[in-house]
């Protein structure tokens, strides 16, 4: 995917976003209630309404999915009927999966404004990007973040206590799409640690980092791919990346990029600004929906993510996105 489809301003020698994943999260409460946050992409793209199938073809996106989330659950001893709710961070095709693979006992949870936007869906509206069958026969729950004068908040983000015990919050993260949600799940107690599921709050680490809360360190250790290693004698230091940012008209501790894709780009930036405070906390591990840097670092299902802090996942991935910018940073250092 072309970088300029998603991000601005450009960075020299960084033109393509390749091999983007789409992550789904299984969240289980202390009482055994199980929910999924996002479903990714289904293995059969023809389950989408025609407008989505045609859009994928128009862009020429090479999409490869071997298994539905329901298949992965079954292979690991969990049945789709065991899932109480599926939460869509938003309605875009790469997050909604195939709801027909889950029984009608599984609720579908969406963000504010979803029902109003999709009072008619496909096939009633032939151009709609979602099917009515996704929620027909099952409970469609739209999250209400409550009294806007005194809402429940996690940091600066309005929150909804999903299980009612403080272990899992849905977060109001507007901008990218109508009803866009993020999630914050408690992974340990004493000390308290959390995993922040960002959805499409951002599409690259350089949209949220660096920030006034989290400046680029002087020493930057990032994994360089073989092809990149042959072009660079060493990884550029923090000063080189800061210089790259300022030469592009950005501030040293301002994210490298702004989003070019969103229903309301002003809200996108406001949401990112609010999320930056959480992203800077050592007790929070932030993962956005298409984050490629966690590959080879995190343990995937059926392993648990609760022990992420002891395993150092945050430190190993936090600045890994800088490898995309390393050639330009090295040139800026010359």
C-alpha atoms as a PDB file:
ATOM      1  CA  UNK A   1       0.000   0.000   0.000  1.00  0.00           C
ATOM      2  CA  UNK A   2       1.293   3.446  -0.884  1.00  0.00           C
ATOM      3  CA  UNK A   3       2.400   5.449   2.145  1.00  0.00           C
ATOM      4  CA  UNK A   4       0.827   8.631   0.796  1.00  0.00           C
ATOM      5  CA  UNK A   5      -2.581   6.901   0.828  1.00  0.00           C
ATOM      6  CA  UNK A   6      -2.431   6.964   4.629  1.00  0.00           C
ATOM      7  CA  UNK A   7       0.249   9.389   5.830  1.00  0.00           C
ATOM      8  CA  UNK A   8       1.705  12.870   5.335  1.00  0.00           C
ATOM      9  CA  UNK A   9       4.169  14.573   4.999  1.00  0.00           C
ATOM     10  CA  UNK A  10       6.337  12.201   2.962  1.00  0.00           C
ATOM     11  CA  UNK A  11       9.684  10.746   4.010  1.00  0.00           C
ATOM     12  CA  UNK A  12      12.331  10.145   1.391  1.00  0.00           C
ATOM     13  CA  UNK A  13      12.921   6.446   0.627  1.00  0.00           C
ATOM     14  CA  UNK A  14       9.724   5.389   2.467  1.00  0.00           C
ATOM     15  CA  UNK A  15       7.072   4.866  -0.189  1.00  0.00           C
ATOM     16  CA  UNK A  16       5.307   1.577   0.522  1.00  0.00           C
ATOM     17  CA  UNK A  17       3.687  -0.156   3.500  1.00  0.00           C
ATOM     18  CA  UNK A  18       4.111  -3.848   2.795  1.00  0.00           C
ATOM     19  CA  UNK A  19       2.796  -6.998   4.485  1.00  0.00           C
ATOM     20  CA  UNK A  20       0.400  -5.194   6.792  1.00  0.00           C
ATOM     21  CA  UNK A  21      -1.286  -7.533   9.293  1.00  0.00           C
ATOM     22  CA  UNK A  22      -4.710  -7.090  10.834  1.00  0.00           C
ATOM     23  CA  UNK A  23      -4.961  -8.179  14.467  1.00  0.00           C
ATOM     24  CA  UNK A  24      -7.838  -9.634  16.444  1.00  0.00           C
ATOM     25  CA  UNK A  25      -7.815  -9.842  20.255  1.00  0.00           C
ATOM     26  CA  UNK A  26      -9.469 -12.388  22.539  1.00  0.00           C
ATOM     27  CA  UNK A  27     -10.304 -10.843  25.917  1.00  0.00           C
ATOM     28  CA  UNK A  28     -11.414 -13.021  28.845  1.00  0.00           C
ATOM     29  CA  UNK A  29     -12.777 -11.716  32.137  1.00  0.00           C
ATOM     30  CA  UNK A  30     -11.974 -13.157  35.551  1.00  0.00           C
ATOM     31  CA  UNK A  31     -15.408 -14.785  35.471  1.00  0.00           C
ATOM     32  CA  UNK A  32     -14.690 -16.493  32.149  1.00  0.00           C
ATOM     33  CA  UNK A  33     -16.668 -14.184  29.848  1.00  0.00           C
ATOM     34  CA  UNK A  34     -15.013 -14.119  26.425  1.00  0.00           C
ATOM     35  CA  UNK A  35     -15.172 -11.372  23.802  1.00  0.00           C
ATOM     36  CA  UNK A  36     -13.308 -10.616  20.600  1.00  0.00           C
ATOM     37  CA  UNK A  37     -12.073  -7.139  19.715  1.00  0.00           C
ATOM     38  CA  UNK A  38     -12.121  -7.008  15.890  1.00  0.00           C
ATOM     39  CA  UNK A  39     -12.294  -9.962  13.514  1.00  0.00           C
ATOM     40  CA  UNK A  40      -9.819  -8.911  10.842  1.00  0.00           C
ATOM     41  CA  UNK A  41     -10.490 -10.055   7.269  1.00  0.00           C
ATOM     42  CA  UNK A  42     -12.448 -13.216   6.354  1.00  0.00           C
ATOM     43  CA  UNK A  43     -10.855 -15.926   4.253  1.00  0.00           C
ATOM     44  CA  UNK A  44     -13.700 -15.625   1.694  1.00  0.00           C
ATOM     45  CA  UNK A  45     -13.800 -12.040   0.457  1.00  0.00           C
ATOM     46  CA  UNK A  46     -17.068 -12.744  -1.352  1.00  0.00           C
ATOM     47  CA  UNK A  47     -18.957 -12.500   1.943  1.00  0.00           C
ATOM     48  CA  UNK A  48     -18.505  -8.723   1.611  1.00  0.00           C
ATOM     49  CA  UNK A  49     -21.083  -6.540  -0.146  1.00  0.00           C
ATOM     50  CA  UNK A  50     -20.234  -5.884  -3.809  1.00  0.00           C
ATOM     51  CA  UNK A  51     -19.063  -2.331  -3.130  1.00  0.00           C
ATOM     52  CA  UNK A  52     -16.254  -3.669  -0.904  1.00  0.00           C
ATOM     53  CA  UNK A  53     -15.273  -6.465  -3.286  1.00  0.00           C
ATOM     54  CA  UNK A  54     -15.086  -3.957  -6.148  1.00  0.00           C
ATOM     55  CA  UNK A  55     -13.084  -1.492  -4.042  1.00  0.00           C
ATOM     56  CA  UNK A  56     -10.491  -4.140  -3.191  1.00  0.00           C
ATOM     57  CA  UNK A  57     -10.144  -4.992  -6.878  1.00  0.00           C
ATOM     58  CA  UNK A  58      -9.903  -1.322  -7.862  1.00  0.00           C
ATOM     59  CA  UNK A  59      -7.008  -0.691  -5.484  1.00  0.00           C
ATOM     60  CA  UNK A  60      -5.298  -3.926  -6.492  1.00  0.00           C
ATOM     61  CA  UNK A  61      -4.736  -4.949  -2.878  1.00  0.00           C
ATOM     62  CA  UNK A  62      -3.231  -8.417  -2.500  1.00  0.00           C
ATOM     63  CA  UNK A  63      -5.140  -9.852   0.463  1.00  0.00           C
ATOM     64  CA  UNK A  64      -4.230 -13.284   1.803  1.00  0.00           C
ATOM     65  CA  UNK A  65      -6.172 -14.874   4.650  1.00  0.00           C
ATOM     66  CA  UNK A  66      -5.921 -18.589   5.324  1.00  0.00           C
ATOM     67  CA  UNK A  67      -8.351 -18.886   8.237  1.00  0.00           C
ATOM     68  CA  UNK A  68     -11.292 -17.108   9.804  1.00  0.00           C
ATOM     69  CA  UNK A  69     -10.986 -16.187  13.462  1.00  0.00           C
ATOM     70  CA  UNK A  70     -13.627 -18.830  14.204  1.00  0.00           C
ATOM     71  CA  UNK A  71     -11.369 -21.469  12.592  1.00  0.00           C
ATOM     72  CA  UNK A  72      -8.426 -20.433  14.762  1.00  0.00           C
ATOM     73  CA  UNK A  73     -10.559 -20.625  17.893  1.00  0.00           C
ATOM     74  CA  UNK A  74     -11.785 -24.137  17.041  1.00  0.00           C
ATOM     75  CA  UNK A  75      -8.257 -25.360  16.362  1.00  0.00           C
ATOM     76  CA  UNK A  76      -7.364 -24.330  19.894  1.00  0.00           C
ATOM     77  CA  UNK A  77     -10.319 -25.854  21.707  1.00  0.00           C
ATOM     78  CA  UNK A  78     -12.640 -22.834  21.835  1.00  0.00           C
ATOM     79  CA  UNK A  79     -15.998 -22.860  20.059  1.00  0.00           C
ATOM     80  CA  UNK A  80     -17.571 -19.763  18.464  1.00  0.00           C
ATOM     81  CA  UNK A  81     -20.570 -20.292  20.756  1.00  0.00           C
ATOM     82  CA  UNK A  82     -18.225 -19.601  23.692  1.00  0.00           C
ATOM     83  CA  UNK A  83     -17.781 -15.998  22.494  1.00  0.00           C
ATOM     84  CA  UNK A  84     -20.235 -13.699  24.257  1.00  0.00           C
ATOM     85  CA  UNK A  85     -19.590 -10.634  22.125  1.00  0.00           C
ATOM     86  CA  UNK A  86     -17.747  -9.510  19.030  1.00  0.00           C
ATOM     87  CA  UNK A  87     -16.655  -5.864  19.255  1.00  0.00           C
ATOM     88  CA  UNK A  88     -15.982  -3.998  16.032  1.00  0.00           C
ATOM     89  CA  UNK A  89     -13.523  -1.155  16.509  1.00  0.00           C
ATOM     90  CA  UNK A  90     -15.319   0.189  13.416  1.00  0.00           C
ATOM     91  CA  UNK A  91     -17.115  -1.031  10.330  1.00  0.00           C
ATOM     92  CA  UNK A  92     -14.277  -1.045   7.758  1.00  0.00           C
ATOM     93  CA  UNK A  93     -13.851  -4.305   5.871  1.00  0.00           C
ATOM     94  CA  UNK A  94     -10.501  -5.224   7.425  1.00  0.00           C
ATOM     95  CA  UNK A  95     -11.987  -5.304  10.930  1.00  0.00           C
ATOM     96  CA  UNK A  96     -15.426  -6.905  10.653  1.00  0.00           C
ATOM     97  CA  UNK A  97     -14.545 -10.431   9.538  1.00  0.00           C
ATOM     98  CA  UNK A  98     -17.422 -12.793   8.858  1.00  0.00           C
ATOM     99  CA  UNK A  99     -20.108 -12.593  11.537  1.00  0.00           C
ATOM    100  CA  UNK A 100     -21.916 -15.578  10.008  1.00  0.00           C
ATOM    101  CA  UNK A 101     -19.214 -17.791  11.542  1.00  0.00           C
ATOM    102  CA  UNK A 102     -20.587 -16.932  15.002  1.00  0.00           C
ATOM    103  CA  UNK A 103     -23.989 -18.034  16.342  1.00  0.00           C
ATOM    104  CA  UNK A 104     -26.791 -15.551  17.009  1.00  0.00           C
ATOM    105  CA  UNK A 105     -26.057 -15.876  20.740  1.00  0.00           C
ATOM    106  CA  UNK A 106     -22.929 -13.785  20.113  1.00  0.00           C
ATOM    107  CA  UNK A 107     -23.696 -10.073  20.473  1.00  0.00           C
ATOM    108  CA  UNK A 108     -22.288  -7.553  18.032  1.00  0.00           C
ATOM    109  CA  UNK A 109     -20.958  -4.441  19.801  1.00  0.00           C
ATOM    110  CA  UNK A 110     -20.426  -1.169  17.921  1.00  0.00           C
ATOM    111  CA  UNK A 111     -19.564   2.440  18.694  1.00  0.00           C
ATOM    112  CA  UNK A 112     -21.706   5.586  18.912  1.00  0.00           C
ATOM    113  CA  UNK A 113     -23.563   6.595  15.751  1.00  0.00           C
ATOM    114  CA  UNK A 114     -23.364   3.185  14.079  1.00  0.00           C
ATOM    115  CA  UNK A 115     -27.110   2.491  14.142  1.00  0.00           C
ATOM    116  CA  UNK A 116     -27.945   5.889  12.738  1.00  0.00           C
ATOM    117  CA  UNK A 117     -25.418   5.522   9.924  1.00  0.00           C
ATOM    118  CA  UNK A 118     -26.575   2.032   9.014  1.00  0.00           C
ATOM    119  CA  UNK A 119     -30.324   2.251   9.396  1.00  0.00           C
ATOM    120  CA  UNK A 120     -30.151   0.636   5.952  1.00  0.00           C
ATOM    121  CA  UNK A 121     -27.352  -1.721   4.969  1.00  0.00           C
ATOM    122  CA  UNK A 122     -26.757  -4.172   2.140  1.00  0.00           C
ATOM    123  CA  UNK A 123     -28.876  -5.347   0.323  1.00  0.00           C
ATOM    124  CA  UNK A 124     -31.535  -2.738   1.248  1.00  0.00           C
ATOM    125  CA  UNK A 125     -28.884  -0.155   0.386  1.00  0.00           C
ATOM    126  CA  UNK A 126     -26.953  -1.749  -2.506  1.00  0.00           C
ATOM    127  CA  UNK A 127     -23.986   0.573  -1.956  1.00  0.00           C
ATOM    128  CA  UNK A 128     -23.606  -0.056   1.788  1.00  0.00           C
ATOM    129  CA  UNK A 129     -20.243  -1.466   2.984  1.00  0.00           C
ATOM    130  CA  UNK A 130     -21.833  -3.795   5.579  1.00  0.00           C
ATOM    131  CA  UNK A 131     -24.528  -6.464   5.364  1.00  0.00           C
ATOM    132  CA  UNK A 132     -27.755  -6.382   7.355  1.00  0.00           C
ATOM    133  CA  UNK A 133     -27.227 -10.096   7.964  1.00  0.00           C
ATOM    134  CA  UNK A 134     -24.207  -9.272  10.156  1.00  0.00           C
ATOM    135  CA  UNK A 135     -26.604  -8.342  12.974  1.00  0.00           C
ATOM    136  CA  UNK A 136     -29.961  -9.834  11.971  1.00  0.00           C
ATOM    137  CA  UNK A 137     -31.095 -12.311  14.613  1.00  0.00           C
ATOM    138  CA  UNK A 138     -28.476 -11.239  17.155  1.00  0.00           C
ATOM    139  CA  UNK A 139     -28.278  -8.399  19.661  1.00  0.00           C
ATOM    140  CA  UNK A 140     -26.690  -5.273  18.194  1.00  0.00           C
ATOM    141  CA  UNK A 141     -25.311  -3.218  21.086  1.00  0.00           C
ATOM    142  CA  UNK A 142     -24.245   0.377  20.522  1.00  0.00           C
ATOM    143  CA  UNK A 143     -21.994   1.697  23.269  1.00  0.00           C
ATOM    144  CA  UNK A 144     -23.247   4.787  25.089  1.00  0.00           C
ATOM    145  CA  UNK A 145     -20.431   6.668  26.788  1.00  0.00           C
ATOM    146  CA  UNK A 146     -22.938   8.371  29.075  1.00  0.00           C
ATOM    147  CA  UNK A 147     -23.286  11.883  30.361  1.00  0.00           C
ATOM    148  CA  UNK A 148     -20.993  14.122  28.332  1.00  0.00           C
ATOM    149  CA  UNK A 149     -20.815  16.540  31.260  1.00  0.00           C
ATOM    150  CA  UNK A 150     -19.345  13.971  33.645  1.00  0.00           C
ATOM    151  CA  UNK A 151     -18.413  10.825  31.711  1.00  0.00           C
ATOM    152  CA  UNK A 152     -16.313   7.938  32.945  1.00  0.00           C
ATOM    153  CA  UNK A 153     -12.806   8.567  31.643  1.00  0.00           C
ATOM    154  CA  UNK A 154      -9.565   6.673  31.330  1.00  0.00           C
ATOM    155  CA  UNK A 155      -7.009   9.435  31.031  1.00  0.00           C
ATOM    156  CA  UNK A 156      -8.560  11.913  28.601  1.00  0.00           C
ATOM    157  CA  UNK A 157     -10.627   9.316  26.730  1.00  0.00           C
ATOM    158  CA  UNK A 158     -14.277   8.644  27.525  1.00  0.00           C
ATOM    159  CA  UNK A 159     -14.637   5.045  28.683  1.00  0.00           C
ATOM    160  CA  UNK A 160     -17.191   2.256  29.112  1.00  0.00           C
ATOM    161  CA  UNK A 161     -16.531  -0.448  31.724  1.00  0.00           C
ATOM    162  CA  UNK A 162     -17.433  -3.459  29.585  1.00  0.00           C
ATOM    163  CA  UNK A 163     -17.363  -6.204  32.219  1.00  0.00           C
ATOM    164  CA  UNK A 164     -18.307  -3.858  35.065  1.00  0.00           C
ATOM    165  CA  UNK A 165     -15.253  -4.775  37.127  1.00  0.00           C
ATOM    166  CA  UNK A 166     -12.572  -2.395  35.834  1.00  0.00           C
ATOM    167  CA  UNK A 167     -10.782  -5.079  33.833  1.00  0.00           C
ATOM    168  CA  UNK A 168     -11.754  -4.029  30.304  1.00  0.00           C
ATOM    169  CA  UNK A 169     -12.717  -0.587  29.032  1.00  0.00           C
ATOM    170  CA  UNK A 170     -13.980   0.402  25.622  1.00  0.00           C
ATOM    171  CA  UNK A 171     -12.695   3.861  24.726  1.00  0.00           C
ATOM    172  CA  UNK A 172     -14.352   6.525  22.607  1.00  0.00           C
ATOM    173  CA  UNK A 173     -11.752   7.151  19.878  1.00  0.00           C
ATOM    174  CA  UNK A 174     -13.545   9.148  17.167  1.00  0.00           C
ATOM    175  CA  UNK A 175     -12.212  10.426  13.889  1.00  0.00           C
ATOM    176  CA  UNK A 176     -11.169   7.535  11.687  1.00  0.00           C
ATOM    177  CA  UNK A 177     -14.731   6.295  11.179  1.00  0.00           C
ATOM    178  CA  UNK A 178     -18.176   6.699  12.700  1.00  0.00           C
ATOM    179  CA  UNK A 179     -18.252   4.919  16.053  1.00  0.00           C
ATOM    180  CA  UNK A 180     -14.531   4.156  16.159  1.00  0.00           C
ATOM    181  CA  UNK A 181     -13.588   2.372  19.394  1.00  0.00           C
ATOM    182  CA  UNK A 182     -10.341   1.493  21.113  1.00  0.00           C
ATOM    183  CA  UNK A 183      -9.924  -0.870  24.059  1.00  0.00           C
ATOM    184  CA  UNK A 184      -7.918  -0.996  27.268  1.00  0.00           C
ATOM    185  CA  UNK A 185      -7.624  -4.344  29.034  1.00  0.00           C
ATOM    186  CA  UNK A 186      -5.984  -4.952  32.400  1.00  0.00           C
ATOM    187  CA  UNK A 187      -3.310  -7.629  32.062  1.00  0.00           C
ATOM    188  CA  UNK A 188      -1.975  -7.824  35.636  1.00  0.00           C
ATOM    189  CA  UNK A 189      -2.670  -6.473  39.123  1.00  0.00           C
ATOM    190  CA  UNK A 190      -0.098  -5.345  41.678  1.00  0.00           C
ATOM    191  CA  UNK A 191       1.528  -4.001  39.620  1.00  0.00           C
ATOM    192  CA  UNK A 192      -1.244  -2.868  37.293  1.00  0.00           C
ATOM    193  CA  UNK A 193      -0.447  -3.326  33.605  1.00  0.00           C
ATOM    194  CA  UNK A 194      -2.644  -2.827  30.572  1.00  0.00           C
ATOM    195  CA  UNK A 195      -2.812  -3.582  26.873  1.00  0.00           C
ATOM    196  CA  UNK A 196      -4.194  -0.755  24.721  1.00  0.00           C
ATOM    197  CA  UNK A 197      -5.922  -1.983  21.536  1.00  0.00           C
ATOM    198  CA  UNK A 198      -5.874   1.038  19.263  1.00  0.00           C
ATOM    199  CA  UNK A 199      -7.873  -0.147  16.259  1.00  0.00           C
ATOM    200  CA  UNK A 200      -7.242   2.324  13.444  1.00  0.00           C
ATOM    201  CA  UNK A 201      -6.465   5.151  15.834  1.00  0.00           C
ATOM    202  CA  UNK A 202      -3.244   5.223  13.794  1.00  0.00           C
ATOM    203  CA  UNK A 203      -1.774   3.182  10.930  1.00  0.00           C
ATOM    204  CA  UNK A 204       1.942   3.606  11.667  1.00  0.00           C
ATOM    205  CA  UNK A 205       3.959   4.148  14.818  1.00  0.00           C
ATOM    206  CA  UNK A 206       5.122   7.467  13.384  1.00  0.00           C
ATOM    207  CA  UNK A 207       1.584   8.842  13.703  1.00  0.00           C
ATOM    208  CA  UNK A 208       1.627   8.660  17.494  1.00  0.00           C
ATOM    209  CA  UNK A 209       5.381   8.860  18.257  1.00  0.00           C
ATOM    210  CA  UNK A 210       7.418  10.757  19.232  1.00  0.00           C
ATOM    211  CA  UNK A 211       5.374  13.036  21.468  1.00  0.00           C
ATOM    212  CA  UNK A 212       5.885  15.556  24.238  1.00  0.00           C
ATOM    213  CA  UNK A 213       5.273  12.636  26.609  1.00  0.00           C
ATOM    214  CA  UNK A 214       7.613  10.256  24.784  1.00  0.00           C
ATOM    215  CA  UNK A 215      10.570  11.896  23.009  1.00  0.00           C
ATOM    216  CA  UNK A 216      12.950   9.925  20.823  1.00  0.00           C
ATOM    217  CA  UNK A 217      15.800   8.598  23.000  1.00  0.00           C
ATOM    218  CA  UNK A 218      19.371   9.440  22.095  1.00  0.00           C
ATOM    219  CA  UNK A 219      20.158   5.754  21.665  1.00  0.00           C
ATOM    220  CA  UNK A 220      17.807   3.930  19.282  1.00  0.00           C
ATOM    221  CA  UNK A 221      18.111   0.164  18.878  1.00  0.00           C
ATOM    222  CA  UNK A 222      15.868  -1.104  16.115  1.00  0.00           C
ATOM    223  CA  UNK A 223      15.918  -4.402  14.226  1.00  0.00           C
ATOM    224  CA  UNK A 224      17.167  -3.791  10.689  1.00  0.00           C
ATOM    225  CA  UNK A 225      16.093  -6.137   7.930  1.00  0.00           C
ATOM    226  CA  UNK A 226      18.898  -7.724   5.890  1.00  0.00           C
ATOM    227  CA  UNK A 227      18.356  -5.549   2.819  1.00  0.00           C
ATOM    228  CA  UNK A 228      18.430  -2.401   4.943  1.00  0.00           C
ATOM    229  CA  UNK A 229      21.443  -3.541   6.967  1.00  0.00           C
ATOM    230  CA  UNK A 230      23.517  -3.794   3.821  1.00  0.00           C
ATOM    231  CA  UNK A 231      22.809  -0.135   3.030  1.00  0.00           C
ATOM    232  CA  UNK A 232      23.510   1.249   6.506  1.00  0.00           C
ATOM    233  CA  UNK A 233      26.733   0.854   8.468  1.00  0.00           C
ATOM    234  CA  UNK A 234      24.756   1.265  11.714  1.00  0.00           C
ATOM    235  CA  UNK A 235      21.364   2.339  12.960  1.00  0.00           C
ATOM    236  CA  UNK A 236      21.023   6.154  13.040  1.00  0.00           C
ATOM    237  CA  UNK A 237      20.885   7.629  16.535  1.00  0.00           C
ATOM    238  CA  UNK A 238      18.073   9.629  18.052  1.00  0.00           C
ATOM    239  CA  UNK A 239      19.600  12.945  16.947  1.00  0.00           C
ATOM    240  CA  UNK A 240      19.418  11.838  13.310  1.00  0.00           C
ATOM    241  CA  UNK A 241      15.727  11.000  13.575  1.00  0.00           C
ATOM    242  CA  UNK A 242      15.015  14.299  15.332  1.00  0.00           C
ATOM    243  CA  UNK A 243      16.866  16.128  12.563  1.00  0.00           C
ATOM    244  CA  UNK A 244      14.828  14.245   9.955  1.00  0.00           C
ATOM    245  CA  UNK A 245      11.642  15.427  11.620  1.00  0.00           C
ATOM    246  CA  UNK A 246      12.618  19.086  11.815  1.00  0.00           C
ATOM    247  CA  UNK A 247      13.829  19.136   8.202  1.00  0.00           C
ATOM    248  CA  UNK A 248      10.333  18.077   7.181  1.00  0.00           C
ATOM    249  CA  UNK A 249       8.737  20.995   9.032  1.00  0.00           C
ATOM    250  CA  UNK A 250       7.856  18.980  12.118  1.00  0.00           C
ATOM    251  CA  UNK A 251       8.947  19.564  15.701  1.00  0.00           C
ATOM    252  CA  UNK A 252      11.524  17.274  17.312  1.00  0.00           C
ATOM    253  CA  UNK A 253       8.974  15.695  19.636  1.00  0.00           C
ATOM    254  CA  UNK A 254       6.040  15.719  17.259  1.00  0.00           C
ATOM    255  CA  UNK A 255       4.881  12.560  15.438  1.00  0.00           C
ATOM    256  CA  UNK A 256       6.538  12.054  12.078  1.00  0.00           C
ATOM    257  CA  UNK A 257       3.181  11.841  10.324  1.00  0.00           C
ATOM    258  CA  UNK A 258      -0.402  13.018  10.267  1.00  0.00           C
ATOM    259  CA  UNK A 259      -3.225  10.869   8.957  1.00  0.00           C
ATOM    260  CA  UNK A 260      -4.626  11.372   5.474  1.00  0.00           C
ATOM    261  CA  UNK A 261      -7.418   8.860   5.980  1.00  0.00           C
ATOM    262  CA  UNK A 262     -10.394   9.488   8.224  1.00  0.00           C
ATOM    263  CA  UNK A 263     -14.001  10.580   8.426  1.00  0.00           C
ATOM    264  CA  UNK A 264     -12.961  13.605  10.498  1.00  0.00           C
ATOM    265  CA  UNK A 265      -9.239  14.360  10.428  1.00  0.00           C
ATOM    266  CA  UNK A 266      -9.519  16.988  13.167  1.00  0.00           C
ATOM    267  CA  UNK A 267     -10.966  14.342  15.481  1.00  0.00           C
ATOM    268  CA  UNK A 268      -8.284  11.870  14.364  1.00  0.00           C
ATOM    269  CA  UNK A 269      -5.592  14.256  15.597  1.00  0.00           C
ATOM    270  CA  UNK A 270      -7.462  15.001  18.832  1.00  0.00           C
ATOM    271  CA  UNK A 271      -7.808  11.277  19.569  1.00  0.00           C
ATOM    272  CA  UNK A 272      -4.119  10.625  18.837  1.00  0.00           C
ATOM    273  CA  UNK A 273      -3.140  13.490  21.153  1.00  0.00           C
ATOM    274  CA  UNK A 274      -5.228  11.984  23.948  1.00  0.00           C
ATOM    275  CA  UNK A 275      -3.805   8.512  23.356  1.00  0.00           C
ATOM    276  CA  UNK A 276      -0.199   9.753  23.467  1.00  0.00           C
ATOM    277  CA  UNK A 277      -0.362  10.163  27.237  1.00  0.00           C
ATOM    278  CA  UNK A 278      -1.317   6.502  27.609  1.00  0.00           C
ATOM    279  CA  UNK A 279       1.278   5.414  25.053  1.00  0.00           C
ATOM    280  CA  UNK A 280       4.008   7.009  27.190  1.00  0.00           C
ATOM    281  CA  UNK A 281       3.159   5.001  30.316  1.00  0.00           C
ATOM    282  CA  UNK A 282       5.479   2.090  31.094  1.00  0.00           C
ATOM    283  CA  UNK A 283       2.480   0.155  32.399  1.00  0.00           C
ATOM    284  CA  UNK A 284       0.670   0.285  29.029  1.00  0.00           C
ATOM    285  CA  UNK A 285       1.497  -1.690  25.875  1.00  0.00           C
ATOM    286  CA  UNK A 286      -0.062  -0.029  22.814  1.00  0.00           C
ATOM    287  CA  UNK A 287      -0.865  -2.071  19.696  1.00  0.00           C
ATOM    288  CA  UNK A 288      -2.729  -0.630  16.722  1.00  0.00           C
ATOM    289  CA  UNK A 289      -4.695  -2.874  14.398  1.00  0.00           C
ATOM    290  CA  UNK A 290      -2.118  -3.104  11.595  1.00  0.00           C
ATOM    291  CA  UNK A 291       1.082  -2.920  13.629  1.00  0.00           C
ATOM    292  CA  UNK A 292       3.746  -5.054  11.899  1.00  0.00           C
ATOM    293  CA  UNK A 293       6.408  -4.450  14.557  1.00  0.00           C
ATOM    294  CA  UNK A 294       4.951  -6.962  17.014  1.00  0.00           C
ATOM    295  CA  UNK A 295       5.671  -9.898  14.686  1.00  0.00           C
ATOM    296  CA  UNK A 296       8.398 -12.081  16.107  1.00  0.00           C
ATOM    297  CA  UNK A 297       8.082 -10.415  19.505  1.00  0.00           C
ATOM    298  CA  UNK A 298       4.679 -11.087  21.032  1.00  0.00           C
ATOM    299  CA  UNK A 299       3.191 -14.497  21.795  1.00  0.00           C
ATOM    300  CA  UNK A 300       0.088 -15.178  19.704  1.00  0.00           C
ATOM    301  CA  UNK A 301      -3.037 -17.118  20.636  1.00  0.00           C
ATOM    302  CA  UNK A 302      -3.427 -19.571  22.285  1.00  0.00           C
ATOM    303  CA  UNK A 303      -0.628 -18.070  24.401  1.00  0.00           C
ATOM    304  CA  UNK A 304      -1.641 -15.223  26.708  1.00  0.00           C
ATOM    305  CA  UNK A 305      -0.395 -11.629  26.582  1.00  0.00           C
ATOM    306  CA  UNK A 306      -0.694 -10.938  30.310  1.00  0.00           C
ATOM    307  CA  UNK A 307       3.027 -11.252  30.923  1.00  0.00           C
ATOM    308  CA  UNK A 308       4.027  -8.709  28.265  1.00  0.00           C
ATOM    309  CA  UNK A 309       5.856  -6.399  30.669  1.00  0.00           C
ATOM    310  CA  UNK A 310       8.158  -9.057  32.112  1.00  0.00           C
ATOM    311  CA  UNK A 311       8.986 -10.181  28.573  1.00  0.00           C
ATOM    312  CA  UNK A 312       9.854  -6.646  27.478  1.00  0.00           C
ATOM    313  CA  UNK A 313       7.474  -6.462  24.518  1.00  0.00           C
ATOM    314  CA  UNK A 314       6.978  -2.730  24.872  1.00  0.00           C
ATOM    315  CA  UNK A 315      10.702  -1.942  24.800  1.00  0.00           C
ATOM    316  CA  UNK A 316      11.287  -4.279  21.858  1.00  0.00           C
ATOM    317  CA  UNK A 317       8.569  -2.761  19.673  1.00  0.00           C
ATOM    318  CA  UNK A 318       8.152   0.863  20.756  1.00  0.00           C
ATOM    319  CA  UNK A 319      10.628   2.395  18.308  1.00  0.00           C
ATOM    320  CA  UNK A 320      10.808  -0.459  15.809  1.00  0.00           C
ATOM    321  CA  UNK A 321       8.793   1.579  13.294  1.00  0.00           C
ATOM    322  CA  UNK A 322      11.869   3.807  12.884  1.00  0.00           C
ATOM    323  CA  UNK A 323      13.454   1.189  10.630  1.00  0.00           C
ATOM    324  CA  UNK A 324      11.098   2.485   7.907  1.00  0.00           C
ATOM    325  CA  UNK A 325      12.679   5.914   8.316  1.00  0.00           C
ATOM    326  CA  UNK A 326      16.280   4.805   8.906  1.00  0.00           C
ATOM    327  CA  UNK A 327      17.536   5.420   5.324  1.00  0.00           C
ATOM    328  CA  UNK A 328      16.184   8.985   5.372  1.00  0.00           C
ATOM    329  CA  UNK A 329      17.543   9.575   8.885  1.00  0.00           C
ATOM    330  CA  UNK A 330      20.970   8.328   7.850  1.00  0.00           C
ATOM    331  CA  UNK A 331      20.932  10.719   4.911  1.00  0.00           C
ATOM    332  CA  UNK A 332      19.923  13.562   7.229  1.00  0.00           C
ATOM    333  CA  UNK A 333      22.933  12.805   9.409  1.00  0.00           C
ATOM    334  CA  UNK A 334      25.413  13.202   6.554  1.00  0.00           C
END
